Amino acid sequence: GTTTDGTSSWILVRDTGAGISEADRERLFQRYYQ
């Protein structure tokens, strides 16, 4: 989905998978981290 308020716009991608644990979420955006 996409939406906007005139100043900012948002793109949303949502799945119905297994999800991500809290421990993994803290490092998910680090390079080479799986």
PDB file of all heavy atoms in Angstrom:
ATOM      1  N   GLY A   1       0.816  -1.204   0.000  1.00  0.00           N
ATOM      2  CA  GLY A   1       0.000   0.000   0.000  1.00  0.00           C
ATOM      3  C   GLY A   1       0.849   1.254   0.000  1.00  0.00           C
ATOM      4  O   GLY A   1       2.040   1.233   0.344  1.00  0.00           O
ATOM      5  N   THR A   2       0.257   2.352  -0.377  1.00  0.00           N
ATOM      6  CA  THR A   2       0.901   3.668  -0.357  1.00  0.00           C
ATOM      7  C   THR A   2      -0.110   4.692   0.126  1.00  0.00           C
ATOM      8  O   THR A   2      -1.320   4.549  -0.093  1.00  0.00           O
ATOM      9  CB  THR A   2       1.407   4.074  -1.758  1.00  0.00           C
ATOM     10  OG1 THR A   2       0.289   4.068  -2.674  1.00  0.00           O
ATOM     11  CG2 THR A   2       2.479   3.123  -2.252  1.00  0.00           C
ATOM     12  N   THR A   3       0.398   5.738   0.796  1.00  0.00           N
ATOM     13  CA  THR A   3      -0.457   6.832   1.259  1.00  0.00           C
ATOM     14  C   THR A   3       0.418   8.055   1.470  1.00  0.00           C
ATOM     15  O   THR A   3       1.646   7.965   1.485  1.00  0.00           O
ATOM     16  CB  THR A   3      -1.183   6.452   2.559  1.00  0.00           C
ATOM     17  OG1 THR A   3      -2.125   7.483   2.898  1.00  0.00           O
ATOM     18  CG2 THR A   3      -0.195   6.312   3.709  1.00  0.00           C
ATOM     19  N   THR A   4      -0.216   9.221   1.649  1.00  0.00           N
ATOM     20  CA  THR A   4       0.518  10.473   1.833  1.00  0.00           C
ATOM     21  C   THR A   4      -0.310  11.443   2.660  1.00  0.00           C
ATOM     22  O   THR A   4      -1.541  11.319   2.736  1.00  0.00           O
ATOM     23  CB  THR A   4       0.857  11.105   0.470  1.00  0.00           C
ATOM     24  OG1 THR A   4       1.661  12.263   0.679  1.00  0.00           O
ATOM     25  CG2 THR A   4      -0.409  11.492  -0.265  1.00  0.00           C
ATOM     26  N   ASP A   5       0.383  12.382   3.314  1.00  0.00           N
ATOM     27  CA  ASP A   5      -0.297  13.470   4.002  1.00  0.00           C
ATOM     28  C   ASP A   5       0.046  14.820   3.383  1.00  0.00           C
ATOM     29  O   ASP A   5      -0.250  15.862   3.968  1.00  0.00           O
ATOM     30  CB  ASP A   5       0.071  13.468   5.489  1.00  0.00           C
ATOM     31  CG  ASP A   5       1.543  13.710   5.735  1.00  0.00           C
ATOM     32  OD1 ASP A   5       2.295  13.888   4.756  1.00  0.00           O
ATOM     33  OD2 ASP A   5       1.955  13.731   6.910  1.00  0.00           O
ATOM     34  N   GLY A   6       0.680  14.787   2.206  1.00  0.00           N
ATOM     35  CA  GLY A   6       1.049  16.016   1.526  1.00  0.00           C
ATOM     36  C   GLY A   6       2.474  16.454   1.786  1.00  0.00           C
ATOM     37  O   GLY A   6       3.083  17.125   0.950  1.00  0.00           O
ATOM     38  N   THR A   7       3.016  16.090   2.929  1.00  0.00           N
ATOM     39  CA  THR A   7       4.409  16.416   3.254  1.00  0.00           C
ATOM     40  C   THR A   7       5.295  15.184   3.178  1.00  0.00           C
ATOM     41  O   THR A   7       6.424  15.249   2.679  1.00  0.00           O
ATOM     42  CB  THR A   7       4.503  17.018   4.661  1.00  0.00           C
ATOM     43  OG1 THR A   7       3.673  18.182   4.733  1.00  0.00           O
ATOM     44  CG2 THR A   7       5.938  17.401   5.005  1.00  0.00           C
ATOM     45  N   SER A   8       4.789  14.054   3.655  1.00  0.00           N
ATOM     46  CA  SER A   8       5.504  12.783   3.606  1.00  0.00           C
ATOM     47  C   SER A   8       4.602  11.728   2.990  1.00  0.00           C
ATOM     48  O   SER A   8       3.366  11.823   3.059  1.00  0.00           O
ATOM     49  CB  SER A   8       5.944  12.343   5.002  1.00  0.00           C
ATOM     50  OG  SER A   8       6.804  13.297   5.590  1.00  0.00           O
ATOM     51  N   SER A   9       5.233  10.728   2.387  1.00  0.00           N
ATOM     52  CA  SER A   9       4.494   9.604   1.818  1.00  0.00           C
ATOM     53  C   SER A   9       5.062   8.315   2.387  1.00  0.00           C
ATOM     54  O   SER A   9       6.239   8.258   2.779  1.00  0.00           O
ATOM     55  CB  SER A   9       4.598   9.594   0.290  1.00  0.00           C
ATOM     56  OG  SER A   9       3.952  10.734  -0.255  1.00  0.00           O
ATOM     57  N   TRP A  10       4.205   7.283   2.430  1.00  0.00           N
ATOM     58  CA  TRP A  10       4.607   6.011   3.014  1.00  0.00           C
ATOM     59  C   TRP A  10       4.329   4.877   2.041  1.00  0.00           C
ATOM     60  O   TRP A  10       3.309   4.865   1.337  1.00  0.00           O
ATOM     61  CB  TRP A  10       3.834   5.754   4.297  1.00  0.00           C
ATOM     62  CG  TRP A  10       4.205   6.669   5.422  1.00  0.00           C
ATOM     63  CD1 TRP A  10       5.144   6.463   6.373  1.00  0.00           C
ATOM     64  CD2 TRP A  10       3.639   7.956   5.697  1.00  0.00           C
ATOM     65  NE1 TRP A  10       5.215   7.521   7.242  1.00  0.00           N
ATOM     66  CE2 TRP A  10       4.294   8.464   6.846  1.00  0.00           C
ATOM     67  CE3 TRP A  10       2.661   8.736   5.080  1.00  0.00           C
ATOM     68  CZ2 TRP A  10       3.999   9.697   7.387  1.00  0.00           C
ATOM     69  CZ3 TRP A  10       2.361   9.968   5.618  1.00  0.00           C
ATOM     70  CH2 TRP A  10       3.027  10.443   6.763  1.00  0.00           C
ATOM     71  N   ILE A  11       5.252   3.933   1.978  1.00  0.00           N
ATOM     72  CA  ILE A  11       5.098   2.695   1.226  1.00  0.00           C
ATOM     73  C   ILE A  11       5.113   1.553   2.229  1.00  0.00           C
ATOM     74  O   ILE A  11       6.054   1.432   3.033  1.00  0.00           O
ATOM     75  CB  ILE A  11       6.231   2.502   0.193  1.00  0.00           C
ATOM     76  CG1 ILE A  11       6.230   3.661  -0.808  1.00  0.00           C
ATOM     77  CG2 ILE A  11       6.088   1.166  -0.526  1.00  0.00           C
ATOM     78  CD1 ILE A  11       7.412   3.624  -1.767  1.00  0.00           C
ATOM     79  N   LEU A  12       4.094   0.702   2.201  1.00  0.00           N
ATOM     80  CA  LEU A  12       3.944  -0.379   3.179  1.00  0.00           C
ATOM     81  C   LEU A  12       3.993  -1.726   2.484  1.00  0.00           C
ATOM     82  O   LEU A  12       3.356  -1.923   1.435  1.00  0.00           O
ATOM     83  CB  LEU A  12       2.624  -0.214   3.930  1.00  0.00           C
ATOM     84  CG  LEU A  12       2.273  -1.268   4.993  1.00  0.00           C
ATOM     85  CD1 LEU A  12       1.555  -0.610   6.160  1.00  0.00           C
ATOM     86  CD2 LEU A  12       1.374  -2.367   4.395  1.00  0.00           C
ATOM     87  N   VAL A  13       4.770  -2.654   3.069  1.00  0.00           N
ATOM     88  CA  VAL A  13       4.831  -4.035   2.589  1.00  0.00           C
ATOM     89  C   VAL A  13       4.670  -4.935   3.807  1.00  0.00           C
ATOM     90  O   VAL A  13       5.512  -4.919   4.716  1.00  0.00           O
ATOM     91  CB  VAL A  13       6.162  -4.337   1.874  1.00  0.00           C
ATOM     92  CG1 VAL A  13       6.205  -5.799   1.448  1.00  0.00           C
ATOM     93  CG2 VAL A  13       6.346  -3.420   0.667  1.00  0.00           C
ATOM     94  N   ARG A  14       3.597  -5.739   3.820  1.00  0.00           N
ATOM     95  CA  ARG A  14       3.304  -6.592   4.974  1.00  0.00           C
ATOM     96  C   ARG A  14       3.088  -8.020   4.512  1.00  0.00           C
ATOM     97  O   ARG A  14       2.388  -8.265   3.527  1.00  0.00           O
ATOM     98  CB  ARG A  14       2.063  -6.079   5.715  1.00  0.00           C
ATOM     99  CG  ARG A  14       1.656  -6.936   6.909  1.00  0.00           C
ATOM    100  CD  ARG A  14       0.680  -6.171   7.807  1.00  0.00           C
ATOM    101  NE  ARG A  14      -0.538  -5.802   7.104  1.00  0.00           N
ATOM    102  CZ  ARG A  14      -1.639  -6.567   7.038  1.00  0.00           C
ATOM    103  NH1 ARG A  14      -1.656  -7.742   7.622  1.00  0.00           N
ATOM    104  NH2 ARG A  14      -2.714  -6.144   6.389  1.00  0.00           N
ATOM    105  N   ASP A  15       3.701  -8.971   5.259  1.00  0.00           N
ATOM    106  CA  ASP A  15       3.547 -10.386   4.921  1.00  0.00           C
ATOM    107  C   ASP A  15       2.836 -11.120   6.054  1.00  0.00           C
ATOM    108  O   ASP A  15       2.615 -10.562   7.127  1.00  0.00           O
ATOM    109  CB  ASP A  15       4.908 -11.036   4.639  1.00  0.00           C
ATOM    110  CG  ASP A  15       5.837 -11.016   5.841  1.00  0.00           C
ATOM    111  OD1 ASP A  15       5.484 -11.601   6.872  1.00  0.00           O
ATOM    112  OD2 ASP A  15       6.925 -10.411   5.760  1.00  0.00           O
ATOM    113  N   THR A  16       2.503 -12.372   5.790  1.00  0.00           N
ATOM    114  CA  THR A  16       1.846 -13.214   6.796  1.00  0.00           C
ATOM    115  C   THR A  16       2.746 -14.381   7.172  1.00  0.00           C
ATOM    116  O   THR A  16       2.266 -15.504   7.370  1.00  0.00           O
ATOM    117  CB  THR A  16       0.498 -13.721   6.255  1.00  0.00           C
ATOM    118  OG1 THR A  16       0.735 -14.430   5.026  1.00  0.00           O
ATOM    119  CG2 THR A  16      -0.462 -12.586   6.002  1.00  0.00           C
ATOM    120  N   GLY A  17       4.038 -14.107   7.254  1.00  0.00           N
ATOM    121  CA  GLY A  17       5.005 -15.164   7.543  1.00  0.00           C
ATOM    122  C   GLY A  17       5.184 -15.411   9.031  1.00  0.00           C
ATOM    123  O   GLY A  17       4.314 -15.097   9.851  1.00  0.00           O
ATOM    124  N   ALA A  18       6.354 -15.951   9.380  1.00  0.00           N
ATOM    125  CA  ALA A  18       6.615 -16.356  10.764  1.00  0.00           C
ATOM    126  C   ALA A  18       6.976 -15.187  11.655  1.00  0.00           C
ATOM    127  O   ALA A  18       6.989 -15.328  12.882  1.00  0.00           O
ATOM    128  CB  ALA A  18       7.739 -17.391  10.790  1.00  0.00           C
ATOM    129  N   GLY A  19       7.272 -14.030  11.089  1.00  0.00           N
ATOM    130  CA  GLY A  19       7.665 -12.890  11.902  1.00  0.00           C
ATOM    131  C   GLY A  19       9.137 -12.945  12.286  1.00  0.00           C
ATOM    132  O   GLY A  19       9.859 -13.903  11.984  1.00  0.00           O
ATOM    133  N   ILE A  20       9.588 -11.903  12.978  1.00  0.00           N
ATOM    134  CA  ILE A  20      10.997 -11.766  13.353  1.00  0.00           C
ATOM    135  C   ILE A  20      11.058 -11.544  14.855  1.00  0.00           C
ATOM    136  O   ILE A  20      10.326 -10.710  15.393  1.00  0.00           O
ATOM    137  CB  ILE A  20      11.656 -10.582  12.607  1.00  0.00           C
ATOM    138  CG1 ILE A  20      11.472 -10.749  11.087  1.00  0.00           C
ATOM    139  CG2 ILE A  20      13.127 -10.462  12.957  1.00  0.00           C
ATOM    140  CD1 ILE A  20      11.902  -9.538  10.293  1.00  0.00           C
ATOM    141  N   SER A  21      11.943 -12.259  15.534  1.00  0.00           N
ATOM    142  CA  SER A  21      12.064 -12.137  16.978  1.00  0.00           C
ATOM    143  C   SER A  21      12.658 -10.782  17.353  1.00  0.00           C
ATOM    144  O   SER A  21      13.298 -10.103  16.538  1.00  0.00           O
ATOM    145  CB  SER A  21      12.941 -13.253  17.539  1.00  0.00           C
ATOM    146  OG  SER A  21      14.284 -13.104  17.092  1.00  0.00           O
ATOM    147  N   GLU A  22      12.460 -10.403  18.625  1.00  0.00           N
ATOM    148  CA  GLU A  22      12.968  -9.110  19.092  1.00  0.00           C
ATOM    149  C   GLU A  22      14.494  -9.045  19.031  1.00  0.00           C
ATOM    150  O   GLU A  22      15.064  -8.016  18.689  1.00  0.00           O
ATOM    151  CB  GLU A  22      12.497  -8.865  20.526  1.00  0.00           C
ATOM    152  CG  GLU A  22      12.918  -7.506  21.096  1.00  0.00           C
ATOM    153  CD  GLU A  22      12.383  -7.274  22.485  1.00  0.00           C
ATOM    154  OE1 GLU A  22      11.603  -8.129  22.959  1.00  0.00           O
ATOM    155  OE2 GLU A  22      12.728  -6.243  23.087  1.00  0.00           O
ATOM    156  N   ALA A  23      15.162 -10.166  19.349  1.00  0.00           N
ATOM    157  CA  ALA A  23      16.626 -10.182  19.292  1.00  0.00           C
ATOM    158  C   ALA A  23      17.131  -9.964  17.883  1.00  0.00           C
ATOM    159  O   ALA A  23      18.128  -9.261  17.664  1.00  0.00           O
ATOM    160  CB  ALA A  23      17.148 -11.510  19.846  1.00  0.00           C
ATOM    161  N   ASP A  24      16.433 -10.539  16.886  1.00  0.00           N
ATOM    162  CA  ASP A  24      16.850 -10.365  15.492  1.00  0.00           C
ATOM    163  C   ASP A  24      16.511  -8.978  14.978  1.00  0.00           C
ATOM    164  O   ASP A  24      17.238  -8.426  14.137  1.00  0.00           O
ATOM    165  CB  ASP A  24      16.187 -11.425  14.604  1.00  0.00           C
ATOM    166  CG  ASP A  24      16.782 -12.810  14.847  1.00  0.00           C
ATOM    167  OD1 ASP A  24      17.960 -12.878  15.228  1.00  0.00           O
ATOM    168  OD2 ASP A  24      16.062 -13.804  14.658  1.00  0.00           O
ATOM    169  N   ARG A  25      15.406  -8.398  15.466  1.00  0.00           N
ATOM    170  CA  ARG A  25      15.008  -7.069  14.979  1.00  0.00           C
ATOM    171  C   ARG A  25      16.064  -6.020  15.295  1.00  0.00           C
ATOM    172  O   ARG A  25      16.246  -5.068  14.526  1.00  0.00           O
ATOM    173  CB  ARG A  25      13.665  -6.658  15.601  1.00  0.00           C
ATOM    174  CG  ARG A  25      12.483  -7.410  15.050  1.00  0.00           C
ATOM    175  CD  ARG A  25      11.176  -6.660  15.313  1.00  0.00           C
ATOM    176  NE  ARG A  25      10.901  -6.513  16.721  1.00  0.00           N
ATOM    177  CZ  ARG A  25      10.211  -7.372  17.448  1.00  0.00           C
ATOM    178  NH1 ARG A  25       9.752  -8.489  16.881  1.00  0.00           N
ATOM    179  NH2 ARG A  25       9.976  -7.160  18.723  1.00  0.00           N
ATOM    180  N   GLU A  26      16.774  -6.175  16.442  1.00  0.00           N
ATOM    181  CA  GLU A  26      17.761  -5.172  16.830  1.00  0.00           C
ATOM    182  C   GLU A  26      18.951  -5.139  15.877  1.00  0.00           C
ATOM    183  O   GLU A  26      19.634  -4.126  15.776  1.00  0.00           O
ATOM    184  CB  GLU A  26      18.234  -5.458  18.258  1.00  0.00           C
ATOM    185  CG  GLU A  26      17.133  -5.313  19.306  1.00  0.00           C
ATOM    186  CD  GLU A  26      17.634  -5.649  20.692  1.00  0.00           C
ATOM    187  OE1 GLU A  26      18.807  -6.090  20.803  1.00  0.00           O
ATOM    188  OE2 GLU A  26      16.870  -5.482  21.667  1.00  0.00           O
ATOM    189  N   ARG A  27      19.210  -6.261  15.166  1.00  0.00           N
ATOM    190  CA  ARG A  27      20.396  -6.321  14.305  1.00  0.00           C
ATOM    191  C   ARG A  27      20.042  -6.575  12.851  1.00  0.00           C
ATOM    192  O   ARG A  27      20.932  -6.805  12.030  1.00  0.00           O
ATOM    193  CB  ARG A  27      21.314  -7.442  14.787  1.00  0.00           C
ATOM    194  CG  ARG A  27      21.774  -7.300  16.226  1.00  0.00           C
ATOM    195  CD  ARG A  27      22.672  -8.453  16.638  1.00  0.00           C
ATOM    196  NE  ARG A  27      23.835  -8.540  15.771  1.00  0.00           N
ATOM    197  CZ  ARG A  27      24.699  -9.560  15.770  1.00  0.00           C
ATOM    198  NH1 ARG A  27      24.504 -10.573  16.591  1.00  0.00           N
ATOM    199  NH2 ARG A  27      25.739  -9.566  14.951  1.00  0.00           N
ATOM    200  N   LEU A  28      18.759  -6.529  12.532  1.00  0.00           N
ATOM    201  CA  LEU A  28      18.323  -6.931  11.193  1.00  0.00           C
ATOM    202  C   LEU A  28      18.891  -6.037  10.105  1.00  0.00           C
ATOM    203  O   LEU A  28      19.140  -6.491   8.978  1.00  0.00           O
ATOM    204  CB  LEU A  28      16.790  -6.924  11.132  1.00  0.00           C
ATOM    205  CG  LEU A  28      16.169  -7.608   9.903  1.00  0.00           C
ATOM    206  CD1 LEU A  28      16.523  -9.083   9.901  1.00  0.00           C
ATOM    207  CD2 LEU A  28      14.655  -7.430   9.897  1.00  0.00           C
ATOM    208  N   PHE A  29      19.132  -4.746  10.410  1.00  0.00           N
ATOM    209  CA  PHE A  29      19.605  -3.809   9.385  1.00  0.00           C
ATOM    210  C   PHE A  29      21.126  -3.700   9.344  1.00  0.00           C
ATOM    211  O   PHE A  29      21.663  -2.854   8.646  1.00  0.00           O
ATOM    212  CB  PHE A  29      18.993  -2.427   9.624  1.00  0.00           C
ATOM    213  CG  PHE A  29      17.499  -2.388   9.379  1.00  0.00           C
ATOM    214  CD1 PHE A  29      16.606  -2.451  10.428  1.00  0.00           C
ATOM    215  CD2 PHE A  29      17.004  -2.314   8.086  1.00  0.00           C
ATOM    216  CE1 PHE A  29      15.237  -2.420  10.205  1.00  0.00           C
ATOM    217  CE2 PHE A  29      15.633  -2.279   7.859  1.00  0.00           C
ATOM    218  CZ  PHE A  29      14.749  -2.335   8.915  1.00  0.00           C
ATOM    219  N   GLN A  30      21.818  -4.552  10.121  1.00  0.00           N
ATOM    220  CA  GLN A  30      23.271  -4.566  10.035  1.00  0.00           C
ATOM    221  C   GLN A  30      23.713  -5.349   8.805  1.00  0.00           C
ATOM    222  O   GLN A  30      23.099  -6.342   8.428  1.00  0.00           O
ATOM    223  CB  GLN A  30      23.880  -5.209  11.285  1.00  0.00           C
ATOM    224  CG  GLN A  30      23.627  -4.420  12.554  1.00  0.00           C
ATOM    225  CD  GLN A  30      24.248  -5.096  13.765  1.00  0.00           C
ATOM    226  OE1 GLN A  30      24.956  -6.083  13.641  1.00  0.00           O
ATOM    227  NE2 GLN A  30      23.983  -4.553  14.942  1.00  0.00           N
ATOM    228  N   ARG A  31      24.800  -4.904   8.213  1.00  0.00           N
ATOM    229  CA  ARG A  31      25.293  -5.569   7.012  1.00  0.00           C
ATOM    230  C   ARG A  31      25.812  -6.961   7.335  1.00  0.00           C
ATOM    231  O   ARG A  31      26.450  -7.169   8.359  1.00  0.00           O
ATOM    232  CB  ARG A  31      26.399  -4.741   6.372  1.00  0.00           C
ATOM    233  CG  ARG A  31      25.886  -3.378   5.891  1.00  0.00           C
ATOM    234  CD  ARG A  31      26.987  -2.561   5.287  1.00  0.00           C
ATOM    235  NE  ARG A  31      26.470  -1.264   4.850  1.00  0.00           N
ATOM    236  CZ  ARG A  31      27.201  -0.339   4.245  1.00  0.00           C
ATOM    237  NH1 ARG A  31      28.482  -0.558   4.016  1.00  0.00           N
ATOM    238  NH2 ARG A  31      26.656   0.808   3.875  1.00  0.00           N
ATOM    239  N   TYR A  32      25.508  -7.885   6.460  1.00  0.00           N
ATOM    240  CA  TYR A  32      25.915  -9.287   6.540  1.00  0.00           C
ATOM    241  C   TYR A  32      25.221 -10.050   7.667  1.00  0.00           C
ATOM    242  O   TYR A  32      25.555 -11.204   7.917  1.00  0.00           O
ATOM    243  CB  TYR A  32      27.442  -9.428   6.715  1.00  0.00           C
ATOM    244  CG  TYR A  32      28.223  -8.751   5.624  1.00  0.00           C
ATOM    245  CD1 TYR A  32      28.841  -7.533   5.854  1.00  0.00           C
ATOM    246  CD2 TYR A  32      28.347  -9.327   4.363  1.00  0.00           C
ATOM    247  CE1 TYR A  32      29.565  -6.896   4.853  1.00  0.00           C
ATOM    248  CE2 TYR A  32      29.065  -8.703   3.355  1.00  0.00           C
ATOM    249  CZ  TYR A  32      29.670  -7.488   3.610  1.00  0.00           C
ATOM    250  OH  TYR A  32      30.389  -6.858   2.620  1.00  0.00           O
ATOM    251  N   TYR A  33      24.258  -9.423   8.319  1.00  0.00           N
ATOM    252  CA  TYR A  33      23.560 -10.146   9.389  1.00  0.00           C
ATOM    253  C   TYR A  33      22.369 -10.889   8.793  1.00  0.00           C
ATOM    254  O   TYR A  33      21.578 -10.323   8.019  1.00  0.00           O
ATOM    255  CB  TYR A  33      23.068  -9.199  10.478  1.00  0.00           C
ATOM    256  CG  TYR A  33      22.306  -9.908  11.567  1.00  0.00           C
ATOM    257  CD1 TYR A  33      22.992 -10.672  12.510  1.00  0.00           C
ATOM    258  CD2 TYR A  33      20.914  -9.847  11.647  1.00  0.00           C
ATOM    259  CE1 TYR A  33      22.310 -11.349  13.509  1.00  0.00           C
ATOM    260  CE2 TYR A  33      20.233 -10.528  12.642  1.00  0.00           C
ATOM    261  CZ  TYR A  33      20.936 -11.270  13.571  1.00  0.00           C
ATOM    262  OH  TYR A  33      20.250 -11.939  14.552  1.00  0.00           O
ATOM    263  N   GLN A  34      22.256 -12.190   9.178  1.00  0.00           N
ATOM    264  CA  GLN A  34      21.148 -13.011   8.725  1.00  0.00           C
ATOM    265  C   GLN A  34      20.415 -13.529   9.954  1.00  0.00           C
ATOM    266  O   GLN A  34      21.008 -14.218  10.790  1.00  0.00           O
ATOM    267  CB  GLN A  34      21.652 -14.182   7.879  1.00  0.00           C
ATOM    268  CG  GLN A  34      22.332 -13.720   6.576  1.00  0.00           C
ATOM    269  CD  GLN A  34      22.946 -14.893   5.833  1.00  0.00           C
ATOM    270  OE1 GLN A  34      23.454 -15.820   6.440  1.00  0.00           O
ATOM    271  NE2 GLN A  34      22.880 -14.840   4.523  1.00  0.00           N
TER     272      GLN A  34
END
